[in-house]
Amino acid sequence: SDRDRPPRGDPDCTIVIKKLPDNAKEADIIALFEPFAKQSNAKIVGATVANHRALAFVDFDAVEAVLKVVEVHRKDPFKLN
């Protein structure tokens, strides 16, 4: 049920991406992280790109997706060209 899911913006379900290229788009960020949501049976519930700060935030509806992203990033850091 919806009551069991964390609300959008829950810090445990949010990843922060730093040092984005100036031309990064929300669609690029979603495409990069959508596979982790699907693997974790989760959804991306929001994505915000702040190009002027070279940052993006991705909100998932489950912490498992965040943990999977962190696990993979430790082994092979993400690159967005």
PDB file of N, CA and C in Angstrom:
ATOM      1  N   SER A   1       0.842  -1.191   0.000  1.00  0.00           N
ATOM      2  CA  SER A   1       0.000   0.000   0.000  1.00  0.00           C
ATOM      3  C   SER A   1       0.877   1.239   0.000  1.00  0.00           C
ATOM      4  N   ASP A   2       0.268   2.378  -0.332  1.00  0.00           N
ATOM      5  CA  ASP A   2       1.009   3.633  -0.388  1.00  0.00           C
ATOM      6  C   ASP A   2       1.536   4.054   0.980  1.00  0.00           C
ATOM      7  N   ARG A   3       0.848   3.627   2.033  1.00  0.00           N
ATOM      8  CA  ARG A   3       1.317   3.991   3.377  1.00  0.00           C
ATOM      9  C   ARG A   3       2.643   3.322   3.717  1.00  0.00           C
ATOM     10  N   ASP A   4       2.951   2.205   3.070  1.00  0.00           N
ATOM     11  CA  ASP A   4       4.195   1.491   3.342  1.00  0.00           C
ATOM     12  C   ASP A   4       5.373   2.070   2.575  1.00  0.00           C
ATOM     13  N   ARG A   5       5.097   2.892   1.601  1.00  0.00           N
ATOM     14  CA  ARG A   5       6.156   3.467   0.769  1.00  0.00           C
ATOM     15  C   ARG A   5       6.612   4.804   1.347  1.00  0.00           C
ATOM     16  N   PRO A   6       7.921   5.062   1.309  1.00  0.00           N
ATOM     17  CA  PRO A   6       8.394   6.357   1.790  1.00  0.00           C
ATOM     18  C   PRO A   6       7.898   7.475   0.875  1.00  0.00           C
ATOM     19  N   PRO A   7       7.677   8.669   1.416  1.00  0.00           N
ATOM     20  CA  PRO A   7       7.250   9.781   0.570  1.00  0.00           C
ATOM     21  C   PRO A   7       8.373  10.256  -0.325  1.00  0.00           C
ATOM     22  N   ARG A   8       8.014  10.908  -1.424  1.00  0.00           N
ATOM     23  CA  ARG A   8       9.024  11.478  -2.309  1.00  0.00           C
ATOM     24  C   ARG A   8       9.901  12.412  -1.491  1.00  0.00           C
ATOM     25  N   GLY A   9      11.195  12.326  -1.729  1.00  0.00           N
ATOM     26  CA  GLY A   9      12.123  13.168  -1.010  1.00  0.00           C
ATOM     27  C   GLY A   9      12.660  12.548   0.264  1.00  0.00           C
ATOM     28  N   ASP A  10      12.285  11.323   0.569  1.00  0.00           N
ATOM     29  CA  ASP A  10      12.828  10.631   1.737  1.00  0.00           C
ATOM     30  C   ASP A  10      14.337  10.512   1.532  1.00  0.00           C
ATOM     31  N   PRO A  11      15.151  11.045   2.444  1.00  0.00           N
ATOM     32  CA  PRO A  11      16.600  11.019   2.232  1.00  0.00           C
ATOM     33  C   PRO A  11      17.184   9.615   2.064  1.00  0.00           C
ATOM     34  N   ASP A  12      16.570   8.615   2.672  1.00  0.00           N
ATOM     35  CA  ASP A  12      17.066   7.247   2.523  1.00  0.00           C
ATOM     36  C   ASP A  12      16.824   6.705   1.115  1.00  0.00           C
ATOM     37  N   CYS A  13      15.923   7.325   0.388  1.00  0.00           N
ATOM     38  CA  CYS A  13      15.556   6.840  -0.947  1.00  0.00           C
ATOM     39  C   CYS A  13      16.017   7.784  -2.046  1.00  0.00           C
ATOM     40  N   THR A  14      16.923   8.695  -1.713  1.00  0.00           N
ATOM     41  CA  THR A  14      17.388   9.701  -2.665  1.00  0.00           C
ATOM     42  C   THR A  14      18.887   9.564  -2.883  1.00  0.00           C
ATOM     43  N   ILE A  15      19.290   9.632  -4.149  1.00  0.00           N
ATOM     44  CA  ILE A  15      20.716   9.707  -4.449  1.00  0.00           C
ATOM     45  C   ILE A  15      21.016  11.099  -4.994  1.00  0.00           C
ATOM     46  N   VAL A  16      22.224  11.559  -4.736  1.00  0.00           N
ATOM     47  CA  VAL A  16      22.692  12.852  -5.223  1.00  0.00           C
ATOM     48  C   VAL A  16      23.833  12.570  -6.189  1.00  0.00           C
ATOM     49  N   ILE A  17      23.741  13.138  -7.372  1.00  0.00           N
ATOM     50  CA  ILE A  17      24.781  12.967  -8.387  1.00  0.00           C
ATOM     51  C   ILE A  17      25.487  14.309  -8.524  1.00  0.00           C
ATOM     52  N   LYS A  18      26.803  14.296  -8.349  1.00  0.00           N
ATOM     53  CA  LYS A  18      27.593  15.530  -8.422  1.00  0.00           C
ATOM     54  C   LYS A  18      28.451  15.541  -9.671  1.00  0.00           C
ATOM     55  N   LYS A  19      28.953  16.722  -9.991  1.00  0.00           N
ATOM     56  CA  LYS A  19      29.872  16.932 -11.114  1.00  0.00           C
ATOM     57  C   LYS A  19      29.240  16.531 -12.448  1.00  0.00           C
ATOM     58  N   LEU A  20      27.983  16.904 -12.627  1.00  0.00           N
ATOM     59  CA  LEU A  20      27.297  16.613 -13.887  1.00  0.00           C
ATOM     60  C   LEU A  20      27.848  17.486 -15.001  1.00  0.00           C
ATOM     61  N   PRO A  21      27.864  16.965 -16.222  1.00  0.00           N
ATOM     62  CA  PRO A  21      28.221  17.831 -17.348  1.00  0.00           C
ATOM     63  C   PRO A  21      27.119  18.885 -17.541  1.00  0.00           C
ATOM     64  N   ASP A  22      27.475  20.027 -18.111  1.00  0.00           N
ATOM     65  CA  ASP A  22      26.529  21.134 -18.294  1.00  0.00           C
ATOM     66  C   ASP A  22      25.308  20.745 -19.115  1.00  0.00           C
ATOM     67  N   ASN A  23      25.467  19.778 -19.998  1.00  0.00           N
ATOM     68  CA  ASN A  23      24.373  19.422 -20.901  1.00  0.00           C
ATOM     69  C   ASN A  23      23.519  18.264 -20.388  1.00  0.00           C
ATOM     70  N   ALA A  24      23.698  17.854 -19.146  1.00  0.00           N
ATOM     71  CA  ALA A  24      22.918  16.734 -18.588  1.00  0.00           C
ATOM     72  C   ALA A  24      21.445  17.105 -18.533  1.00  0.00           C
ATOM     73  N   LYS A  25      20.610  16.180 -18.915  1.00  0.00           N
ATOM     74  CA  LYS A  25      19.154  16.369 -18.927  1.00  0.00           C
ATOM     75  C   LYS A  25      18.508  15.369 -17.970  1.00  0.00           C
ATOM     76  N   GLU A  26      17.317  15.708 -17.522  1.00  0.00           N
ATOM     77  CA  GLU A  26      16.579  14.817 -16.629  1.00  0.00           C
ATOM     78  C   GLU A  26      16.394  13.438 -17.264  1.00  0.00           C
ATOM     79  N   ALA A  27      16.101  13.407 -18.546  1.00  0.00           N
ATOM     80  CA  ALA A  27      15.900  12.127 -19.242  1.00  0.00           C
ATOM     81  C   ALA A  27      17.168  11.273 -19.207  1.00  0.00           C
ATOM     82  N   ASP A  28      18.348  11.909 -19.300  1.00  0.00           N
ATOM     83  CA  ASP A  28      19.616  11.170 -19.233  1.00  0.00           C
ATOM     84  C   ASP A  28      19.781  10.522 -17.860  1.00  0.00           C
ATOM     85  N   ILE A  29      19.453  11.277 -16.826  1.00  0.00           N
ATOM     86  CA  ILE A  29      19.596  10.789 -15.458  1.00  0.00           C
ATOM     87  C   ILE A  29      18.632   9.627 -15.222  1.00  0.00           C
ATOM     88  N   ILE A  30      17.403   9.787 -15.642  1.00  0.00           N
ATOM     89  CA  ILE A  30      16.414   8.717 -15.458  1.00  0.00           C
ATOM     90  C   ILE A  30      16.844   7.468 -16.218  1.00  0.00           C
ATOM     91  N   ALA A  31      17.308   7.640 -17.449  1.00  0.00           N
ATOM     92  CA  ALA A  31      17.745   6.479 -18.243  1.00  0.00           C
ATOM     93  C   ALA A  31      18.903   5.746 -17.572  1.00  0.00           C
ATOM     94  N   LEU A  32      19.793   6.475 -16.927  1.00  0.00           N
ATOM     95  CA  LEU A  32      20.947   5.865 -16.275  1.00  0.00           C
ATOM     96  C   LEU A  32      20.538   5.053 -15.044  1.00  0.00           C
ATOM     97  N   PHE A  33      19.541   5.527 -14.300  1.00  0.00           N
ATOM     98  CA  PHE A  33      19.195   4.892 -13.029  1.00  0.00           C
ATOM     99  C   PHE A  33      17.935   4.033 -13.064  1.00  0.00           C
ATOM    100  N   GLU A  34      17.169   4.092 -14.134  1.00  0.00           N
ATOM    101  CA  GLU A  34      15.951   3.282 -14.246  1.00  0.00           C
ATOM    102  C   GLU A  34      16.215   1.779 -14.098  1.00  0.00           C
ATOM    103  N   PRO A  35      17.303   1.250 -14.675  1.00  0.00           N
ATOM    104  CA  PRO A  35      17.562  -0.189 -14.506  1.00  0.00           C
ATOM    105  C   PRO A  35      17.684  -0.616 -13.032  1.00  0.00           C
ATOM    106  N   PHE A  36      18.201   0.246 -12.190  1.00  0.00           N
ATOM    107  CA  PHE A  36      18.339  -0.088 -10.769  1.00  0.00           C
ATOM    108  C   PHE A  36      16.974  -0.128 -10.094  1.00  0.00           C
ATOM    109  N   ALA A  37      16.098   0.731 -10.524  1.00  0.00           N
ATOM    110  CA  ALA A  37      14.734   0.705  -9.993  1.00  0.00           C
ATOM    111  C   ALA A  37      14.065  -0.608 -10.380  1.00  0.00           C
ATOM    112  N   LYS A  38      14.178  -0.978 -11.635  1.00  0.00           N
ATOM    113  CA  LYS A  38      13.528  -2.204 -12.106  1.00  0.00           C
ATOM    114  C   LYS A  38      14.103  -3.436 -11.416  1.00  0.00           C
ATOM    115  N   GLN A  39      15.420  -3.494 -11.254  1.00  0.00           N
ATOM    116  CA  GLN A  39      16.060  -4.637 -10.584  1.00  0.00           C
ATOM    117  C   GLN A  39      15.577  -4.780  -9.148  1.00  0.00           C
ATOM    118  N   SER A  40      15.239  -3.657  -8.528  1.00  0.00           N
ATOM    119  CA  SER A  40      14.844  -3.656  -7.123  1.00  0.00           C
ATOM    120  C   SER A  40      13.334  -3.643  -6.956  1.00  0.00           C
ATOM    121  N   ASN A  41      12.623  -3.800  -8.060  1.00  0.00           N
ATOM    122  CA  ASN A  41      11.161  -3.765  -8.034  1.00  0.00           C
ATOM    123  C   ASN A  41      10.670  -2.443  -7.440  1.00  0.00           C
ATOM    124  N   ALA A  42      11.345  -1.376  -7.823  1.00  0.00           N
ATOM    125  CA  ALA A  42      11.040  -0.037  -7.321  1.00  0.00           C
ATOM    126  C   ALA A  42      10.718   0.873  -8.507  1.00  0.00           C
ATOM    127  N   LYS A  43      10.447   2.133  -8.197  1.00  0.00           N
ATOM    128  CA  LYS A  43      10.186   3.132  -9.225  1.00  0.00           C
ATOM    129  C   LYS A  43      10.965   4.393  -8.912  1.00  0.00           C
ATOM    130  N   ILE A  44      11.306   5.135  -9.944  1.00  0.00           N
ATOM    131  CA  ILE A  44      11.825   6.481  -9.755  1.00  0.00           C
ATOM    132  C   ILE A  44      10.602   7.373  -9.607  1.00  0.00           C
ATOM    133  N   VAL A  45      10.514   8.080  -8.499  1.00  0.00           N
ATOM    134  CA  VAL A  45       9.355   8.926  -8.253  1.00  0.00           C
ATOM    135  C   VAL A  45       9.655  10.400  -8.497  1.00  0.00           C
ATOM    136  N   GLY A  46      10.911  10.708  -8.801  1.00  0.00           N
ATOM    137  CA  GLY A  46      11.265  12.082  -9.123  1.00  0.00           C
ATOM    138  C   GLY A  46      12.725  12.191  -9.482  1.00  0.00           C
ATOM    139  N   ALA A  47      13.014  13.156 -10.341  1.00  0.00           N
ATOM    140  CA  ALA A  47      14.406  13.452 -10.704  1.00  0.00           C
ATOM    141  C   ALA A  47      14.505  14.957 -10.925  1.00  0.00           C
ATOM    142  N   THR A  48      15.526  15.549 -10.360  1.00  0.00           N
ATOM    143  CA  THR A  48      15.736  16.986 -10.487  1.00  0.00           C
ATOM    144  C   THR A  48      17.174  17.214 -10.910  1.00  0.00           C
ATOM    145  N   VAL A  49      17.355  17.999 -11.952  1.00  0.00           N
ATOM    146  CA  VAL A  49      18.696  18.346 -12.423  1.00  0.00           C
ATOM    147  C   VAL A  49      18.898  19.837 -12.203  1.00  0.00           C
ATOM    148  N   ALA A  50      19.976  20.189 -11.528  1.00  0.00           N
ATOM    149  CA  ALA A  50      20.348  21.588 -11.293  1.00  0.00           C
ATOM    150  C   ALA A  50      21.676  21.828 -11.999  1.00  0.00           C
ATOM    151  N   ASN A  51      21.613  22.055 -13.313  1.00  0.00           N
ATOM    152  CA  ASN A  51      22.842  22.193 -14.105  1.00  0.00           C
ATOM    153  C   ASN A  51      23.737  23.319 -13.593  1.00  0.00           C
ATOM    154  N   HIS A  52      23.154  24.406 -13.141  1.00  0.00           N
ATOM    155  CA  HIS A  52      23.963  25.524 -12.656  1.00  0.00           C
ATOM    156  C   HIS A  52      24.795  25.137 -11.439  1.00  0.00           C
ATOM    157  N   ARG A  53      24.416  24.057 -10.759  1.00  0.00           N
ATOM    158  CA  ARG A  53      25.184  23.576  -9.609  1.00  0.00           C
ATOM    159  C   ARG A  53      25.858  22.239  -9.906  1.00  0.00           C
ATOM    160  N   ALA A  54      25.681  21.733 -11.132  1.00  0.00           N
ATOM    161  CA  ALA A  54      26.258  20.444 -11.552  1.00  0.00           C
ATOM    162  C   ALA A  54      25.785  19.300 -10.656  1.00  0.00           C
ATOM    163  N   LEU A  55      24.506  19.356 -10.259  1.00  0.00           N
ATOM    164  CA  LEU A  55      23.922  18.359  -9.359  1.00  0.00           C
ATOM    165  C   LEU A  55      22.640  17.786  -9.933  1.00  0.00           C
ATOM    166  N   ALA A  56      22.328  16.580  -9.506  1.00  0.00           N
ATOM    167  CA  ALA A  56      21.019  15.993  -9.775  1.00  0.00           C
ATOM    168  C   ALA A  56      20.618  15.177  -8.557  1.00  0.00           C
ATOM    169  N   PHE A  57      19.326  15.050  -8.376  1.00  0.00           N
ATOM    170  CA  PHE A  57      18.760  14.248  -7.305  1.00  0.00           C
ATOM    171  C   PHE A  57      17.806  13.253  -7.940  1.00  0.00           C
ATOM    172  N   VAL A  58      17.888  11.999  -7.518  1.00  0.00           N
ATOM    173  CA  VAL A  58      16.962  10.975  -7.996  1.00  0.00           C
ATOM    174  C   VAL A  58      16.281  10.372  -6.776  1.00  0.00           C
ATOM    175  N   ASP A  59      14.962  10.443  -6.776  1.00  0.00           N
ATOM    176  CA  ASP A  59      14.165   9.891  -5.683  1.00  0.00           C
ATOM    177  C   ASP A  59      13.564   8.563  -6.125  1.00  0.00           C
ATOM    178  N   PHE A  60      13.845   7.513  -5.381  1.00  0.00           N
ATOM    179  CA  PHE A  60      13.255   6.198  -5.601  1.00  0.00           C
ATOM    180  C   PHE A  60      12.158   5.987  -4.568  1.00  0.00           C
ATOM    181  N   ASP A  61      11.304   5.002  -4.802  1.00  0.00           N
ATOM    182  CA  ASP A  61      10.272   4.705  -3.814  1.00  0.00           C
ATOM    183  C   ASP A  61      10.681   3.573  -2.878  1.00  0.00           C
ATOM    184  N   ALA A  62      11.922   3.116  -2.982  1.00  0.00           N
ATOM    185  CA  ALA A  62      12.410   2.049  -2.101  1.00  0.00           C
ATOM    186  C   ALA A  62      13.917   2.193  -1.909  1.00  0.00           C
ATOM    187  N   VAL A  63      14.358   1.979  -0.689  1.00  0.00           N
ATOM    188  CA  VAL A  63      15.777   2.122  -0.371  1.00  0.00           C
ATOM    189  C   VAL A  63      16.627   1.061  -1.073  1.00  0.00           C
ATOM    190  N   GLU A  64      16.053  -0.077  -1.418  1.00  0.00           N
ATOM    191  CA  GLU A  64      16.818  -1.147  -2.072  1.00  0.00           C
ATOM    192  C   GLU A  64      17.453  -0.669  -3.377  1.00  0.00           C
ATOM    193  N   ALA A  65      16.748   0.169  -4.114  1.00  0.00           N
ATOM    194  CA  ALA A  65      17.300   0.690  -5.367  1.00  0.00           C
ATOM    195  C   ALA A  65      18.524   1.561  -5.099  1.00  0.00           C
ATOM    196  N   VAL A  66      18.460   2.374  -4.062  1.00  0.00           N
ATOM    197  CA  VAL A  66      19.591   3.229  -3.689  1.00  0.00           C
ATOM    198  C   VAL A  66      20.795   2.373  -3.310  1.00  0.00           C
ATOM    199  N   LEU A  67      20.560   1.347  -2.525  1.00  0.00           N
ATOM    200  CA  LEU A  67      21.659   0.468  -2.105  1.00  0.00           C
ATOM    201  C   LEU A  67      22.309  -0.207  -3.307  1.00  0.00           C
ATOM    202  N   LYS A  68      21.513  -0.594  -4.294  1.00  0.00           N
ATOM    203  CA  LYS A  68      22.057  -1.235  -5.505  1.00  0.00           C
ATOM    204  C   LYS A  68      22.896  -0.230  -6.304  1.00  0.00           C
ATOM    205  N   VAL A  69      22.422   1.005  -6.417  1.00  0.00           N
ATOM    206  CA  VAL A  69      23.179   2.041  -7.123  1.00  0.00           C
ATOM    207  C   VAL A  69      24.539   2.240  -6.453  1.00  0.00           C
ATOM    208  N   VAL A  70      24.542   2.354  -5.142  1.00  0.00           N
ATOM    209  CA  VAL A  70      25.791   2.575  -4.398  1.00  0.00           C
ATOM    210  C   VAL A  70      26.735   1.393  -4.579  1.00  0.00           C
ATOM    211  N   GLU A  71      26.202   0.191  -4.509  1.00  0.00           N
ATOM    212  CA  GLU A  71      27.023  -1.021  -4.670  1.00  0.00           C
ATOM    213  C   GLU A  71      27.712  -1.037  -6.037  1.00  0.00           C
ATOM    214  N   VAL A  72      26.960  -0.760  -7.077  1.00  0.00           N
ATOM    215  CA  VAL A  72      27.526  -0.782  -8.431  1.00  0.00           C
ATOM    216  C   VAL A  72      28.510   0.371  -8.624  1.00  0.00           C
ATOM    217  N   HIS A  73      28.173   1.551  -8.119  1.00  0.00           N
ATOM    218  CA  HIS A  73      29.042   2.724  -8.281  1.00  0.00           C
ATOM    219  C   HIS A  73      30.405   2.512  -7.618  1.00  0.00           C
ATOM    220  N   ARG A  74      30.421   1.806  -6.497  1.00  0.00           N
ATOM    221  CA  ARG A  74      31.709   1.529  -5.813  1.00  0.00           C
ATOM    222  C   ARG A  74      32.634   0.694  -6.694  1.00  0.00           C
ATOM    223  N   LYS A  75      32.050  -0.237  -7.443  1.00  0.00           N
ATOM    224  CA  LYS A  75      32.849  -1.119  -8.296  1.00  0.00           C
ATOM    225  C   LYS A  75      33.247  -0.453  -9.605  1.00  0.00           C
ATOM    226  N   ASP A  76      32.332   0.326 -10.163  1.00  0.00           N
ATOM    227  CA  ASP A  76      32.548   0.930 -11.476  1.00  0.00           C
ATOM    228  C   ASP A  76      31.807   2.269 -11.513  1.00  0.00           C
ATOM    229  N   PRO A  77      32.486   3.361 -11.149  1.00  0.00           N
ATOM    230  CA  PRO A  77      31.810   4.666 -11.081  1.00  0.00           C
ATOM    231  C   PRO A  77      31.077   5.027 -12.381  1.00  0.00           C
ATOM    232  N   PHE A  78      29.912   5.614 -12.203  1.00  0.00           N
ATOM    233  CA  PHE A  78      29.091   6.017 -13.335  1.00  0.00           C
ATOM    234  C   PHE A  78      29.732   7.174 -14.072  1.00  0.00           C
ATOM    235  N   LYS A  79      29.496   7.184 -15.383  1.00  0.00           N
ATOM    236  CA  LYS A  79      29.959   8.290 -16.215  1.00  0.00           C
ATOM    237  C   LYS A  79      28.801   8.723 -17.100  1.00  0.00           C
ATOM    238  N   LEU A  80      28.528   9.994 -17.094  1.00  0.00           N
ATOM    239  CA  LEU A  80      27.483  10.563 -17.933  1.00  0.00           C
ATOM    240  C   LEU A  80      28.162  11.532 -18.878  1.00  0.00           C
ATOM    241  N   ASN A  81      28.175  11.178 -20.154  1.00  0.00           N
ATOM    242  CA  ASN A  81      28.878  12.032 -21.129  1.00  0.00           C
ATOM    243  C   ASN A  81      27.923  12.917 -21.869  1.00  0.00           C
TER     244      ASN A  81
END
